[in-house]
Every structure is written in C-alpha cells, then in structure tokens.
Amino acid sequence: MAKSRPVYVCEACGAQRPKWQGQCDDCGAWNSLTEQAPVAAASRPVTAASPARLDSIDESADSRVTTGLTELDRVLGGGLVPGSVTLIGGDPGIGKSTLLLQAAAHLSASSQVLYVTGEESLRQVSLRGHRLGVSGASVEVLAATGVEQIAATAASMRPVLVIIDSIQTLVSDNLTAAAGTVSQVRESASQLVRLAKGSGIAVILVGHVTKEGSIAGPRVLEHMVDTVLYFESDIGSRLRLIRAVKNRFGAANEIGVFAMTAEGLREVSNPSAIFVSRHGEAVPGSVVMVAREGTRPLLVEVQALVDDAQSGHPRRLSVGLEQNRLALLLAVAHRHGGVSLAGQDVFVNVVGGVRVGETAADLPALLAAVSSLRDRPIARDTICFGEVGLAGEIRPVPFGEERLQEAIKQGFRRAIVPAANKPRRSPGDIEIIAVDRVAAALDHAG
C-alpha cells in the first residue's frame, strides 16, 4: 500500500500544496503553510435526491425569534431565523461575549438557550453573568471544545439558540490538526452548519480577528454562514457599533449602536444625538450630514481642518471617509468651485468613529474643507448631503426624503441638498436649498 504523504495547507486561504514553500501562490501570504495529514475520502453509496417545487415550499414556519436586544435584532434583520448561522467578529475585549450572554439571558426567559464556551471555565462565565446582572437567567452553559460532542448535546436538547464562543477553539475528532488551524475551523463550522440546517436550531459563532481586522481562518468561513457581523469601536470610546456585512435575511450594512457600561452593553436608541456634537456656536470646518446605514438614517458630523502645509508635500488624510475620494473632491473644488487647496494640509474626520462609505458624504466633506479654509462657519442648524461629480454637478442620493425627515426630527431647519432630491412638498419646518453645481453649494454655505 502506498504511503500517504502529508499536505501543506495555507492558514490564510485554505489552499493546499504538496510541499512546503515560503509564500502561498493563491493569496500571497508569507509563512502561512502548515503541515497536515491527509484525510482519506470514505466511499459512500449515492442515491438520487427529490427536488421540491419553489411554489410548494412552506415559509410560514420560519418566524423570527427576537433576542430581546432591539439593536441586535435590527442588525439581524428583525431577529434570529430558525436554522440560520451567524458569525460575529471583533477585536479582543470589545464586548462580543458580553453581548451574546446578555442576549442569551433575555432569550432564556421564553426559550431554551445553550451557551458553549471553549475559552473560559464555567466559573468565569458565571462571574461575568453576576457582573452583568443576568446570573439568575436559565441559560444552559457547556464548557467543551469537541464539535461532535457539542453537536450531539444540541441535538438532544433542541434549544432555540446555540452560541459558540469561539469557533477557533473547536476541534473535530476527524482531524489531527491543532485547534484554530484552517482545516479545524472549516470542519467545525461545516458540522455546525449541518446541525443548524438539519434541526432548525439557530447558531451564533464568535470569531477571532487578525491584526488586519478580518475574521481569522479561511475566507470560506464567511461564505458558509448566513450572516456576518463585525463589532467596531474607536480606542478609548464607550460606543460599540455592530455592522452587518452579509445578511441573507435582511439588509446588509445595517448597524446597531451600543454603549459599554459597568453593567454591560446598553442600547443606544437615538444614535444621531451622540454622533452630532451641537457646539455652543457655529465653528468653521464642521458640517452635519444625514448618512444612510442599512435601513436607518443617521446624523453624523463631518469635521475638516485645513492648514498651511509644513512641508513641500501637502497631506491629505481622512478618517471615516475614503482617502482617494477626498483627493478627488479637492480637485473638483479647484476646477469647478475656484477654491485651491494645493498648498494646504487637509484633514477630514467623521465624529464618533463612524465609517461612511456612501457618496452622500461628498458634499459635506467638501463644504467642511472650504469652511475651514475660509474660516467661515456654516450655520449650526444646517445639514447637507449629496454626491459630487467630476463635472462639478451635485448628483442625487437615495432616500432623500427620509434623510430630511430625520434632520427635522433632530431640530435642523436648513438643508443643502441636490436639486433632484428636493421634494415636491416640504416635509416639515425646514428650508430646503436645492443646488445642482458645486459653485452654487459653496455660495449658499456662506
């Protein structure tokens, strides 16, 4: 019998090689290939499957289960779907375990929940429960790392939700590799996905993140699950943002906002009031915009600082906005607005650690930079949004009327918006200034 030879698997992407090499040819990662024993494929009989007609499939049984945390339910698309698998990642200590233990405590009041910890002892979980004030909750806690044992326990208990903290600590008896390797993470996740789909149990997986901020393990892990959530926070900030980057049952890019307190995570029902710092008087370089995160309009403050360059190479730095887009906006301001920032350092920041990826931030960033350059503040009760084109035009953005309604709710009385976003009837007590060119927007900004 021929001797089976080991294979080398890339820990970054899961690609296999017959021998070790310094760099992975598929993803380019260095020193990421680890030796693993090959797994012999079992010979199984193949039988024909019976497909079902799309119009005969019953959807009524898939009613969502609320977690008891409104912000978490919002990110999930309205609650947990039975049989769904959710992956949540974030930096160490950001609050992943805290959030899930709080959700498990709320849900255990009406349903059975299994919390599996592979990193902590039962006593450590109990101490966290005391600190969060949920020690009296009837949550079933299991300290285990064997995925077969966990799947068998869940199959016998039939809970509504199984929480795995974390997927990188699980090992399968089918493999000899160490915990956290690509093959173990992929095999453990595969068994838990089969458990969820076959039994209708909702599963939440906690994933570690790499220094680049992505979830550790093979990229296929994010393709296997139904929903991928990321916990985000600025260093030293009490605010925690949970963002959906993939969701088969709801809107992607939806966010939930929490505040970290001594008693755990507290929901922030009105995040616009936190992300917008209402100064005592108008200050140069500060503009409020209405962003759209998933299904929620959100007011955020865009700040800019323009100063004389201290070197021969002016700096262009943005936090919360795409840096290449900032350079584009400054070129448009010069060409179509007659405002030159060639010899100036330009710094743009979105307050509160929010990342705005939509083009509606173009006009606010441009007006904030020009306001700082001219040392002329924009009125405190003014909001704006709009996309800036290379030809100097102000282009419309989706959900313009909903953005205006949110601004009115927060007390703003003046809005600079694209002409195509001007509603036919005024949505309330607000002056709407419709602009179609960059020059016109700069004139109205003051």
Protein backbone atom coordinates (compact mmCIF):
# COMPACT_ATOMS: atom_id res chain seq x y z
CA MET A 1 0.00 0.00 0.00
CA ALA A 2 1.34 3.43 -0.95
CA LYS A 3 2.25 5.61 1.98
CA SER A 4 0.07 8.72 2.29
CA ARG A 5 2.10 11.89 2.07
CA PRO A 6 1.30 14.99 4.14
CA VAL A 7 -0.14 18.09 2.53
CA TYR A 8 0.58 21.73 3.34
CA VAL A 9 -2.45 23.99 3.85
CA CYS A 10 -2.39 27.80 3.83
CA GLU A 11 -3.85 29.17 7.07
CA ALA A 12 -4.95 32.35 5.29
CA CYS A 13 -6.94 30.96 2.35
CA GLY A 14 -7.01 27.16 2.75
CA ALA A 15 -5.09 26.36 -0.46
CA GLN A 16 -3.23 23.03 -0.45
CA ARG A 17 0.30 22.34 -1.69
CA PRO A 18 2.22 19.04 -1.97
CA LYS A 19 5.32 20.57 -0.35
CA TRP A 20 6.18 23.50 1.90
CA GLN A 21 7.01 26.89 0.37
CA GLY A 22 7.54 30.32 1.84
CA GLN A 23 4.69 32.13 0.07
CA CYS A 24 1.21 30.94 -0.85
CA ASP A 25 0.66 31.17 -4.60
CA ASP A 26 -3.10 31.79 -4.19
CA CYS A 27 -3.29 34.61 -1.64
CA GLY A 28 0.34 35.79 -1.40
CA ALA A 29 0.62 35.27 2.40
CA TRP A 30 4.10 34.50 3.74
CA ASN A 31 4.95 31.62 6.11
CA SER A 32 1.30 30.54 6.24
CA LEU A 33 1.63 26.91 5.04
CA THR A 34 1.34 24.29 7.79
CA GLU A 35 1.72 20.54 7.50
CA GLN A 36 -1.43 18.44 7.89
CA ALA A 37 -2.12 14.76 7.49
CA PRO A 38 -4.33 13.91 4.52
CA VAL A 39 -7.85 12.66 5.22
CA ALA A 40 -8.92 9.61 3.28
CA ALA A 41 -12.21 10.01 1.48
CA ALA A 42 -14.85 7.50 2.54
CA SER A 43 -16.71 5.58 -0.16
CA ARG A 44 -20.45 6.11 0.20
CA PRO A 45 -23.36 4.99 -1.95
CA VAL A 46 -25.03 7.77 -3.91
CA THR A 47 -28.81 7.97 -4.11
CA ALA A 48 -30.94 10.33 -6.15
CA ALA A 49 -32.48 13.32 -4.36
CA SER A 50 -36.07 14.52 -4.67
CA PRO A 51 -36.28 18.24 -5.53
CA ALA A 52 -39.17 20.40 -4.31
CA ARG A 53 -41.12 22.92 -6.35
CA LEU A 54 -40.46 26.52 -5.34
CA ASP A 55 -44.20 27.35 -5.13
CA SER A 56 -44.82 24.40 -2.78
CA ILE A 57 -42.29 25.33 -0.10
CA ASP A 58 -43.87 26.46 3.18
CA GLU A 59 -42.37 29.70 4.53
CA SER A 60 -44.71 30.18 7.48
CA ALA A 61 -42.60 28.08 9.85
CA ASP A 62 -39.60 30.41 9.64
CA SER A 63 -40.86 33.06 12.07
CA ARG A 64 -38.09 35.13 13.60
CA VAL A 65 -37.03 34.84 17.23
CA THR A 66 -36.29 38.16 18.95
CA THR A 67 -33.17 38.29 21.10
CA GLY A 68 -34.53 40.92 23.49
CA LEU A 69 -31.97 43.49 22.27
CA THR A 70 -33.59 45.82 19.74
CA GLU A 71 -30.31 46.99 18.20
CA LEU A 72 -29.11 43.41 17.70
CA ASP A 73 -32.45 42.42 16.18
CA ARG A 74 -32.18 45.36 13.79
CA VAL A 75 -28.79 44.21 12.52
CA LEU A 76 -30.04 40.64 12.13
CA GLY A 77 -32.95 41.87 10.00
CA GLY A 78 -35.67 41.59 12.66
CA GLY A 79 -34.42 38.71 14.82
CA LEU A 80 -32.92 35.25 14.54
CA VAL A 81 -34.18 32.97 11.79
CA PRO A 82 -34.52 29.31 12.88
CA GLY A 83 -31.78 27.24 11.27
CA SER A 84 -29.61 30.26 10.48
CA VAL A 85 -25.88 30.52 11.24
CA THR A 86 -24.45 33.88 12.28
CA LEU A 87 -20.75 34.74 12.56
CA ILE A 88 -19.74 37.69 14.73
CA GLY A 89 -16.16 39.01 14.87
CA GLY A 90 -14.36 41.85 16.57
CA ASP A 91 -11.22 42.90 18.44
CA PRO A 92 -10.38 41.21 21.76
CA GLY A 93 -12.27 42.77 24.67
CA ILE A 94 -14.69 44.73 22.50
CA GLY A 95 -17.73 43.01 24.03
CA LYS A 96 -18.67 40.02 21.86
CA SER A 97 -19.11 37.60 24.77
CA THR A 98 -20.83 40.27 26.84
CA LEU A 99 -23.37 41.00 24.12
CA LEU A 100 -24.16 37.34 23.46
CA LEU A 101 -24.51 36.47 27.16
CA GLN A 102 -26.95 39.37 27.57
CA ALA A 103 -28.91 38.21 24.51
CA ALA A 104 -28.92 34.63 25.81
CA ALA A 105 -30.25 35.79 29.19
CA HIS A 106 -33.10 37.73 27.55
CA LEU A 107 -34.00 34.84 25.25
CA SER A 108 -33.83 32.21 28.00
CA ALA A 109 -36.89 33.76 29.66
CA SER A 110 -39.07 32.22 26.94
CA SER A 111 -36.86 29.63 25.18
CA GLN A 112 -34.02 27.25 25.87
CA VAL A 113 -30.53 28.56 25.04
CA LEU A 114 -27.21 26.68 25.02
CA TYR A 115 -24.07 28.76 25.58
CA VAL A 116 -20.89 26.83 24.70
CA THR A 117 -17.59 28.28 25.91
CA GLY A 118 -14.28 26.93 24.67
CA GLU A 119 -12.08 29.68 26.12
CA GLU A 120 -13.40 30.12 29.66
CA SER A 121 -14.42 27.93 32.55
CA LEU A 122 -17.99 27.74 33.82
CA ARG A 123 -16.94 29.81 36.84
CA GLN A 124 -15.64 32.60 34.61
CA VAL A 125 -18.91 32.69 32.68
CA SER A 126 -20.81 32.77 35.96
CA LEU A 127 -18.71 35.70 37.23
CA ARG A 128 -19.46 37.64 34.06
CA GLY A 129 -23.14 36.87 34.50
CA HIS A 130 -23.04 38.32 38.03
CA ARG A 131 -21.35 41.46 36.76
CA LEU A 132 -23.95 41.88 34.03
CA GLY A 133 -26.83 41.20 36.41
CA VAL A 134 -28.05 38.12 34.50
CA SER A 135 -26.81 35.39 36.85
CA GLY A 136 -30.40 34.34 37.54
CA ALA A 137 -31.10 33.57 33.88
CA SER A 138 -31.83 29.95 32.95
CA VAL A 139 -29.09 29.72 30.30
CA GLU A 140 -27.57 26.27 29.80
CA VAL A 141 -23.75 26.64 29.81
CA LEU A 142 -21.39 24.00 28.44
CA ALA A 143 -17.57 24.12 28.60
CA ALA A 144 -16.41 21.97 25.68
CA THR A 145 -14.24 22.10 22.57
CA GLY A 146 -15.19 18.87 20.77
CA VAL A 147 -17.54 19.79 17.93
CA GLU A 148 -19.05 16.27 17.77
CA GLN A 149 -19.87 16.41 21.49
CA ILE A 150 -21.38 19.89 21.11
CA ALA A 151 -23.50 18.83 18.13
CA ALA A 152 -24.76 15.74 19.97
CA THR A 153 -25.65 17.80 23.06
CA ALA A 154 -27.52 20.37 20.97
CA ALA A 155 -29.36 17.66 19.02
CA SER A 156 -30.60 16.06 22.25
CA MET A 157 -31.53 19.35 23.98
CA ARG A 158 -33.09 21.00 20.87
CA PRO A 159 -32.57 24.60 22.10
CA VAL A 160 -33.73 27.59 20.09
CA LEU A 161 -30.22 29.06 20.02
CA VAL A 162 -26.68 27.71 20.36
CA ILE A 163 -23.85 30.20 20.97
CA ILE A 164 -20.28 29.03 20.24
CA ASP A 165 -17.55 31.11 21.90
CA SER A 166 -15.41 30.72 19.86
CA ILE A 167 -15.14 28.79 16.60
CA GLN A 168 -11.30 28.90 16.69
CA THR A 169 -11.24 26.79 19.89
CA LEU A 170 -13.22 23.86 18.48
CA VAL A 171 -11.64 20.63 17.26
CA SER A 172 -13.05 17.69 15.34
CA ASP A 173 -12.18 14.05 16.00
CA ASN A 174 -11.93 13.54 12.24
CA LEU A 175 -8.74 15.63 12.06
CA THR A 176 -5.42 15.57 13.87
CA ALA A 177 -4.58 19.25 13.32
CA ALA A 178 -4.40 21.70 16.21
CA ALA A 179 -7.31 23.93 17.18
CA GLY A 180 -7.51 27.16 15.20
CA THR A 181 -5.97 25.78 12.03
CA VAL A 182 -7.72 26.19 8.71
CA SER A 183 -8.85 22.59 8.49
CA GLN A 184 -10.23 22.50 12.05
CA VAL A 185 -12.11 25.79 11.67
CA ARG A 186 -13.58 24.72 8.35
CA GLU A 187 -14.59 21.23 9.55
CA SER A 188 -16.06 22.51 12.84
CA ALA A 189 -18.06 25.21 11.07
CA SER A 190 -19.27 22.70 8.48
CA GLN A 191 -20.64 20.36 11.17
CA LEU A 192 -22.39 23.22 12.98
CA VAL A 193 -23.93 24.47 9.73
CA ARG A 194 -25.28 20.96 9.06
CA LEU A 195 -26.67 20.89 12.60
CA ALA A 196 -28.47 24.22 12.12
CA LYS A 197 -29.93 23.40 8.71
CA GLY A 198 -30.99 19.89 9.68
CA SER A 199 -32.56 20.68 13.07
CA GLY A 200 -33.74 24.28 12.72
CA ILE A 201 -31.55 25.45 15.62
CA ALA A 202 -30.13 28.98 15.25
CA VAL A 203 -26.35 29.06 15.76
CA ILE A 204 -24.15 32.06 16.55
CA LEU A 205 -20.38 31.66 16.12
CA VAL A 206 -17.84 34.02 17.70
CA GLY A 207 -14.77 34.50 15.52
CA HIS A 208 -11.35 35.91 16.38
CA VAL A 209 -9.95 38.61 14.11
CA THR A 210 -6.48 39.05 12.65
CA LYS A 211 -4.34 42.17 13.00
CA GLU A 212 -5.76 43.35 9.66
CA GLY A 213 -9.27 43.27 11.17
CA SER A 214 -10.66 40.30 9.22
CA ILE A 215 -12.01 37.14 10.83
CA ALA A 216 -9.22 34.60 11.36
CA GLY A 217 -9.39 31.37 9.41
CA PRO A 218 -10.28 30.56 5.82
CA ARG A 219 -12.35 33.06 3.86
CA VAL A 220 -14.74 30.22 3.06
CA LEU A 221 -15.98 30.50 6.66
CA GLU A 222 -17.83 33.73 5.79
CA HIS A 223 -19.37 32.06 2.74
CA MET A 224 -20.67 29.11 4.77
CA VAL A 225 -22.71 31.18 7.23
CA ASP A 226 -25.87 33.19 6.59
CA THR A 227 -24.96 36.40 8.41
CA VAL A 228 -21.61 38.05 9.15
CA LEU A 229 -21.45 40.76 11.83
CA TYR A 230 -18.47 42.90 12.84
CA PHE A 231 -18.03 44.70 16.17
CA GLU A 232 -16.31 48.07 15.74
CA SER A 233 -15.08 50.73 18.15
CA ASP A 234 -12.52 53.50 18.42
CA ILE A 235 -9.78 53.16 21.04
CA GLY A 236 -10.99 54.70 24.30
CA SER A 237 -14.58 55.15 23.09
CA ARG A 238 -17.57 53.81 25.00
CA LEU A 239 -19.57 53.37 21.82
CA ARG A 240 -19.74 50.00 20.10
CA LEU A 241 -21.05 49.60 16.56
CA ILE A 242 -22.16 46.22 15.28
CA ARG A 243 -22.34 46.15 11.49
CA ALA A 244 -23.79 43.53 9.15
CA VAL A 245 -21.52 42.97 6.15
CA LYS A 246 -23.52 39.95 4.92
CA ASN A 247 -27.12 39.03 5.66
CA ARG A 248 -29.24 36.55 3.73
CA PHE A 249 -32.33 37.53 5.74
CA GLY A 250 -32.07 41.33 5.92
CA ALA A 251 -30.29 44.48 4.81
CA ALA A 252 -26.51 44.38 4.59
CA ASN A 253 -24.53 47.29 6.06
CA GLU A 254 -27.15 47.73 8.81
CA ILE A 255 -25.69 48.95 12.09
CA GLY A 256 -26.64 48.71 15.74
CA VAL A 257 -25.26 51.07 18.36
CA PHE A 258 -24.40 50.16 21.95
CA ALA A 259 -22.65 51.93 24.81
CA MET A 260 -20.30 49.97 27.09
CA THR A 261 -21.08 50.47 30.79
CA ALA A 262 -20.04 48.78 34.02
CA GLU A 263 -23.21 46.66 33.80
CA GLY A 264 -22.57 45.57 30.21
CA LEU A 265 -23.73 46.88 26.85
CA ARG A 266 -26.59 49.36 26.80
CA GLU A 267 -28.61 50.01 23.65
CA VAL A 268 -28.48 53.50 22.11
CA SER A 269 -31.93 54.15 20.66
CA ASN A 270 -31.10 57.60 19.23
CA PRO A 271 -27.51 57.44 17.91
CA SER A 272 -27.89 60.68 15.93
CA ALA A 273 -27.87 62.63 19.19
CA ILE A 274 -24.49 61.08 20.11
CA PHE A 275 -22.68 61.34 16.78
CA VAL A 276 -23.64 65.01 16.36
CA SER A 277 -21.93 67.34 18.85
CA ARG A 278 -24.00 70.52 18.92
CA HIS A 279 -21.45 73.26 19.54
CA GLY A 280 -22.40 76.30 21.59
CA GLU A 281 -21.85 78.39 18.46
CA ALA A 282 -21.09 77.63 14.84
CA VAL A 283 -17.45 76.70 14.23
CA PRO A 284 -15.51 76.61 10.93
CA GLY A 285 -14.92 73.21 9.37
CA SER A 286 -17.94 71.44 10.90
CA VAL A 287 -20.86 70.16 8.79
CA VAL A 288 -23.64 67.76 9.73
CA MET A 289 -24.77 65.19 7.16
CA VAL A 290 -27.50 62.56 7.06
CA ALA A 291 -25.95 59.19 6.29
CA ARG A 292 -27.88 56.05 5.44
CA GLU A 293 -26.77 52.90 7.23
CA GLY A 294 -28.85 49.94 6.10
CA THR A 295 -32.46 50.94 6.75
CA ARG A 296 -31.64 53.72 9.23
CA PRO A 297 -30.94 57.41 8.52
CA LEU A 298 -28.17 58.59 10.82
CA LEU A 299 -26.92 62.11 11.51
CA VAL A 300 -23.14 62.36 11.76
CA GLU A 301 -20.76 65.29 11.98
CA VAL A 302 -18.03 65.70 9.38
CA GLN A 303 -15.13 67.87 10.53
CA ALA A 304 -12.30 69.27 8.42
CA LEU A 305 -9.10 71.08 9.32
CA VAL A 306 -7.19 72.98 6.61
CA ASP A 307 -3.82 74.44 7.45
CA ASP A 308 -0.72 75.65 5.63
CA ALA A 309 1.47 72.73 4.60
CA GLN A 310 4.61 72.49 6.73
CA SER A 311 6.49 70.61 4.02
CA GLY A 312 6.68 70.55 0.26
CA HIS A 313 4.13 67.73 0.09
CA PRO A 314 0.67 68.69 1.43
CA ARG A 315 -1.04 65.91 3.36
CA ARG A 316 -4.50 64.52 2.57
CA LEU A 317 -5.80 62.46 5.48
CA SER A 318 -9.33 61.21 6.11
CA VAL A 319 -10.75 59.10 8.93
CA GLY A 320 -14.15 57.55 8.31
CA LEU A 321 -14.15 58.51 4.62
CA GLU A 322 -12.29 57.06 1.65
CA GLN A 323 -8.99 58.90 1.27
CA ASN A 324 -8.88 58.70 -2.54
CA ARG A 325 -12.32 60.29 -2.66
CA LEU A 326 -11.05 63.24 -0.61
CA ALA A 327 -8.35 63.96 -3.21
CA LEU A 328 -11.00 63.81 -5.92
CA LEU A 329 -13.24 66.31 -4.09
CA LEU A 330 -10.40 68.79 -3.61
CA ALA A 331 -9.64 68.65 -7.34
CA VAL A 332 -13.32 69.32 -8.15
CA ALA A 333 -13.36 72.26 -5.70
CA HIS A 334 -10.43 73.82 -7.54
CA ARG A 335 -11.64 73.17 -11.07
CA HIS A 336 -15.34 73.96 -10.67
CA GLY A 337 -15.52 76.00 -7.46
CA GLY A 338 -12.48 78.23 -7.84
CA VAL A 339 -11.10 77.14 -4.43
CA SER A 340 -7.47 75.99 -4.40
CA LEU A 341 -6.09 73.88 -1.56
CA ALA A 342 -2.86 72.97 -3.35
CA GLY A 343 -0.57 74.30 -0.62
CA GLN A 344 -2.71 73.19 2.32
CA ASP A 345 -2.78 70.16 4.57
CA VAL A 346 -6.35 68.80 4.62
CA PHE A 347 -7.60 66.54 7.42
CA VAL A 348 -11.18 65.20 7.43
CA ASN A 349 -12.77 63.18 10.23
CA VAL A 350 -16.20 61.64 10.86
CA VAL A 351 -17.01 62.13 14.55
CA GLY A 352 -17.73 59.10 16.71
CA GLY A 353 -15.70 56.53 14.80
CA VAL A 354 -18.38 56.00 12.15
CA ARG A 355 -17.23 54.89 8.70
CA VAL A 356 -19.31 56.38 5.89
CA GLY A 357 -18.93 54.52 2.62
CA GLU A 358 -21.70 56.11 0.57
CA THR A 359 -21.21 59.02 -1.83
CA ALA A 360 -23.70 61.20 0.10
CA ALA A 361 -20.71 62.32 2.18
CA ASP A 362 -19.10 64.09 -0.81
CA LEU A 363 -20.86 67.44 -0.40
CA PRO A 364 -20.48 67.62 3.43
CA ALA A 365 -16.74 66.84 3.22
CA LEU A 366 -16.25 69.45 0.50
CA LEU A 367 -18.17 72.16 2.37
CA ALA A 368 -16.36 71.39 5.62
CA ALA A 369 -12.94 71.73 3.96
CA VAL A 370 -13.84 75.06 2.30
CA SER A 371 -15.38 76.33 5.56
CA SER A 372 -12.14 75.60 7.42
CA LEU A 373 -10.04 77.20 4.65
CA ARG A 374 -12.07 80.41 4.66
CA ASP A 375 -12.50 80.36 8.46
CA ARG A 376 -16.22 80.90 7.91
CA PRO A 377 -18.60 78.67 9.89
CA ILE A 378 -21.73 77.10 8.44
CA ALA A 379 -24.94 77.75 10.38
CA ARG A 380 -25.49 75.29 13.25
CA ASP A 381 -28.98 74.32 12.09
CA THR A 382 -27.80 73.31 8.58
CA ILE A 383 -27.48 69.77 7.26
CA CYS A 384 -26.42 68.63 3.81
CA PHE A 385 -25.88 65.54 1.70
CA GLY A 386 -25.16 64.85 -1.95
CA GLU A 387 -22.76 63.23 -4.37
CA VAL A 388 -20.22 65.40 -6.22
CA GLY A 389 -19.43 64.52 -9.85
CA LEU A 390 -16.20 65.20 -11.69
CA ALA A 391 -18.01 67.68 -13.93
CA GLY A 392 -18.89 69.79 -10.89
CA GLU A 393 -22.51 68.64 -10.71
CA ILE A 394 -24.31 67.72 -7.49
CA ARG A 395 -25.91 64.33 -8.03
CA PRO A 396 -28.89 62.92 -6.08
CA VAL A 397 -28.61 60.15 -3.50
CA PRO A 398 -31.20 57.51 -2.49
CA PHE A 399 -33.82 58.09 0.23
CA GLY A 400 -33.57 61.88 0.17
CA GLU A 401 -36.95 62.50 1.83
CA GLU A 402 -36.24 60.06 4.67
CA ARG A 403 -32.96 61.86 5.35
CA LEU A 404 -34.80 65.17 5.56
CA GLN A 405 -37.36 63.70 7.97
CA GLU A 406 -34.54 62.59 10.28
CA ALA A 407 -32.99 66.07 10.15
CA ILE A 408 -36.32 67.67 11.08
CA LYS A 409 -36.71 65.23 13.97
CA GLN A 410 -33.31 66.34 15.33
CA GLY A 411 -34.18 70.04 15.11
CA PHE A 412 -32.39 71.15 11.92
CA ARG A 413 -34.10 73.94 9.98
CA ARG A 414 -31.95 74.33 6.86
CA ALA A 415 -30.81 71.74 4.32
CA ILE A 416 -28.48 71.96 1.32
CA VAL A 417 -29.43 69.07 -0.94
CA PRO A 418 -29.11 68.06 -4.61
CA ALA A 419 -31.76 69.62 -6.82
CA ALA A 420 -33.06 66.18 -7.82
CA ASN A 421 -33.61 65.32 -4.12
CA LYS A 422 -35.83 68.33 -3.44
CA PRO A 423 -39.30 67.03 -2.51
CA ARG A 424 -42.36 68.39 -4.27
CA ARG A 425 -43.90 69.33 -0.94
CA SER A 426 -41.99 70.45 2.11
CA PRO A 427 -41.69 67.55 4.58
CA GLY A 428 -41.88 69.93 7.54
CA ASP A 429 -40.45 73.05 9.13
CA ILE A 430 -37.20 73.16 7.19
CA GLU A 431 -35.77 75.43 4.48
CA ILE A 432 -34.58 73.34 1.55
CA ILE A 433 -31.85 74.81 -0.64
CA ALA A 434 -31.56 72.79 -3.85
CA VAL A 435 -28.22 73.04 -5.67
CA ASP A 436 -27.04 71.42 -8.88
CA ARG A 437 -23.45 72.74 -9.12
CA VAL A 438 -20.51 72.89 -6.72
CA ALA A 439 -20.21 76.67 -7.09
CA ALA A 440 -23.86 77.15 -6.03
CA ALA A 441 -23.37 74.94 -2.97
CA LEU A 442 -20.31 76.95 -1.90
CA ASP A 443 -22.26 80.21 -2.27
CA HIS A 444 -25.13 79.00 -0.10
CA ALA A 445 -22.80 77.56 2.54
CA GLY A 446 -21.52 81.06 3.25
